[in-house]
Amino acid sequence: MVTLARSKAGHDKNHVYLVIKEDAEFVYLVNGTTKKLDHPKKKKKIHVQLIKQMPPELWEGLEESQDPDDITIAKMLDNYHRRK
């Protein structure tokens, strides 16, 4: 399942990222522009808020491609910001 997260702390406060990996203490975040798939941002779980209710049209780009790239992720996050 694909999850989005909003940063609650740090210099990137209120930025929205796509969670690509998760372990016990950290999440690994990408946004397709400054934080790409080859160098995700490592952030503690307590410093992010997961976004649970997502409009279905945001998933269209990710569902079409089995392996999303940075451009697809950036477009999906841009669509999310435009809805706000």
C-alpha atoms as a PDB file:
ATOM      1  CA  MET A   1       0.000   0.000   0.000  1.00  0.00           C
ATOM      2  CA  VAL A   2       1.217   3.493  -0.844  1.00  0.00           C
ATOM      3  CA  THR A   3       1.242   6.017   1.983  1.00  0.00           C
ATOM      4  CA  LEU A   4       1.794   9.753   2.156  1.00  0.00           C
ATOM      5  CA  ALA A   5       3.237  11.542   5.180  1.00  0.00           C
ATOM      6  CA  ARG A   6       3.444  15.162   6.295  1.00  0.00           C
ATOM      7  CA  SER A   7       6.543  16.280   8.160  1.00  0.00           C
ATOM      8  CA  LYS A   8       5.754  17.626  11.649  1.00  0.00           C
ATOM      9  CA  ALA A   9       9.255  18.776  12.606  1.00  0.00           C
ATOM     10  CA  GLY A  10      12.470  20.034  11.108  1.00  0.00           C
ATOM     11  CA  HIS A  11      13.314  22.453   8.317  1.00  0.00           C
ATOM     12  CA  ASP A  12      10.859  20.623   6.058  1.00  0.00           C
ATOM     13  CA  LYS A  13       7.869  21.077   8.400  1.00  0.00           C
ATOM     14  CA  ASN A  14       4.512  20.636   6.582  1.00  0.00           C
ATOM     15  CA  HIS A  15       6.097  19.132   3.458  1.00  0.00           C
ATOM     16  CA  VAL A  16       4.325  16.091   2.031  1.00  0.00           C
ATOM     17  CA  TYR A  17       6.299  13.001   1.011  1.00  0.00           C
ATOM     18  CA  LEU A  18       5.639   9.516  -0.284  1.00  0.00           C
ATOM     19  CA  VAL A  19       6.697   6.758   2.123  1.00  0.00           C
ATOM     20  CA  ILE A  20       8.710   4.153   0.216  1.00  0.00           C
ATOM     21  CA  LYS A  21      10.079   2.125   3.126  1.00  0.00           C
ATOM     22  CA  GLU A  22       9.476   1.782   6.815  1.00  0.00           C
ATOM     23  CA  ASP A  23      11.243   0.048   9.678  1.00  0.00           C
ATOM     24  CA  ALA A  24      10.764   0.002  13.459  1.00  0.00           C
ATOM     25  CA  GLU A  25      11.976   3.551  14.132  1.00  0.00           C
ATOM     26  CA  PHE A  26      12.323   5.323  10.766  1.00  0.00           C
ATOM     27  CA  VAL A  27      10.435   6.029   7.544  1.00  0.00           C
ATOM     28  CA  TYR A  28      12.135   6.715   4.219  1.00  0.00           C
ATOM     29  CA  LEU A  29      10.516   9.540   2.277  1.00  0.00           C
ATOM     30  CA  VAL A  30      10.699  10.775  -1.325  1.00  0.00           C
ATOM     31  CA  ASN A  31       9.082  13.672  -3.163  1.00  0.00           C
ATOM     32  CA  GLY A  32      10.467  13.215  -6.670  1.00  0.00           C
ATOM     33  CA  THR A  33      12.291  16.570  -6.749  1.00  0.00           C
ATOM     34  CA  THR A  34      14.641  17.238  -3.828  1.00  0.00           C
ATOM     35  CA  LYS A  35      14.436  13.757  -2.307  1.00  0.00           C
ATOM     36  CA  LYS A  36      14.617  11.149  -5.033  1.00  0.00           C
ATOM     37  CA  LEU A  37      14.250   7.369  -4.999  1.00  0.00           C
ATOM     38  CA  ASP A  38      18.006   6.779  -5.003  1.00  0.00           C
ATOM     39  CA  HIS A  39      18.526   9.035  -1.921  1.00  0.00           C
ATOM     40  CA  PRO A  40      15.372   9.023   0.243  1.00  0.00           C
ATOM     41  CA  LYS A  41      15.019  11.176   3.358  1.00  0.00           C
ATOM     42  CA  LYS A  42      15.358   9.186   6.573  1.00  0.00           C
ATOM     43  CA  LYS A  43      13.071  10.568   9.273  1.00  0.00           C
ATOM     44  CA  LYS A  44      11.929   9.312  12.661  1.00  0.00           C
ATOM     45  CA  LYS A  45       8.335   8.111  12.770  1.00  0.00           C
ATOM     46  CA  ILE A  46       7.467  10.496  15.586  1.00  0.00           C
ATOM     47  CA  HIS A  47       8.312  13.431  13.301  1.00  0.00           C
ATOM     48  CA  VAL A  48       5.786  12.564  10.570  1.00  0.00           C
ATOM     49  CA  GLN A  49       2.001  12.390  10.376  1.00  0.00           C
ATOM     50  CA  LEU A  50       0.671   9.702   8.042  1.00  0.00           C
ATOM     51  CA  ILE A  51      -2.085  10.821   5.674  1.00  0.00           C
ATOM     52  CA  LYS A  52      -4.751   8.148   5.780  1.00  0.00           C
ATOM     53  CA  GLN A  53      -7.608   9.543   3.680  1.00  0.00           C
ATOM     54  CA  MET A  54      -6.469   9.954   0.103  1.00  0.00           C
ATOM     55  CA  PRO A  55      -8.602  10.821  -2.915  1.00  0.00           C
ATOM     56  CA  PRO A  56      -8.592   7.894  -5.364  1.00  0.00           C
ATOM     57  CA  GLU A  57      -7.540   9.981  -8.381  1.00  0.00           C
ATOM     58  CA  LEU A  58      -4.128  10.538  -6.791  1.00  0.00           C
ATOM     59  CA  TRP A  59      -3.331   6.850  -7.093  1.00  0.00           C
ATOM     60  CA  GLU A  60      -3.865   6.735 -10.872  1.00  0.00           C
ATOM     61  CA  GLY A  61      -0.260   7.530 -11.777  1.00  0.00           C
ATOM     62  CA  LEU A  62       1.170   5.060  -9.290  1.00  0.00           C
ATOM     63  CA  GLU A  63      -1.202   2.253 -10.217  1.00  0.00           C
ATOM     64  CA  GLU A  64      -0.403   2.533 -13.925  1.00  0.00           C
ATOM     65  CA  SER A  65       3.320   2.021 -13.380  1.00  0.00           C
ATOM     66  CA  GLN A  66       4.450  -0.958 -11.334  1.00  0.00           C
ATOM     67  CA  ASP A  67       7.750   0.729 -10.502  1.00  0.00           C
ATOM     68  CA  PRO A  68       7.122   4.476 -10.046  1.00  0.00           C
ATOM     69  CA  ASP A  69       9.883   6.897 -10.961  1.00  0.00           C
ATOM     70  CA  ASP A  70      10.690  10.339  -9.558  1.00  0.00           C
ATOM     71  CA  ILE A  71       8.654  12.149 -12.222  1.00  0.00           C
ATOM     72  CA  THR A  72       5.521  10.111 -11.460  1.00  0.00           C
ATOM     73  CA  ILE A  73       5.921  10.728  -7.724  1.00  0.00           C
ATOM     74  CA  ALA A  74       6.437  14.477  -8.239  1.00  0.00           C
ATOM     75  CA  LYS A  75       3.301  14.709 -10.416  1.00  0.00           C
ATOM     76  CA  MET A  76       1.225  12.782  -7.880  1.00  0.00           C
ATOM     77  CA  LEU A  77       2.346  15.054  -5.024  1.00  0.00           C
ATOM     78  CA  ASP A  78       1.709  18.127  -7.173  1.00  0.00           C
ATOM     79  CA  ASN A  79      -1.866  16.912  -7.773  1.00  0.00           C
ATOM     80  CA  TYR A  80      -2.267  16.401  -4.022  1.00  0.00           C
ATOM     81  CA  HIS A  81      -1.157  20.000  -3.328  1.00  0.00           C
ATOM     82  CA  ARG A  82      -3.507  21.384  -5.970  1.00  0.00           C
ATOM     83  CA  ARG A  83      -6.478  19.754  -4.277  1.00  0.00           C
ATOM     84  CA  LYS A  84      -5.807  21.717  -1.079  1.00  0.00           C
END
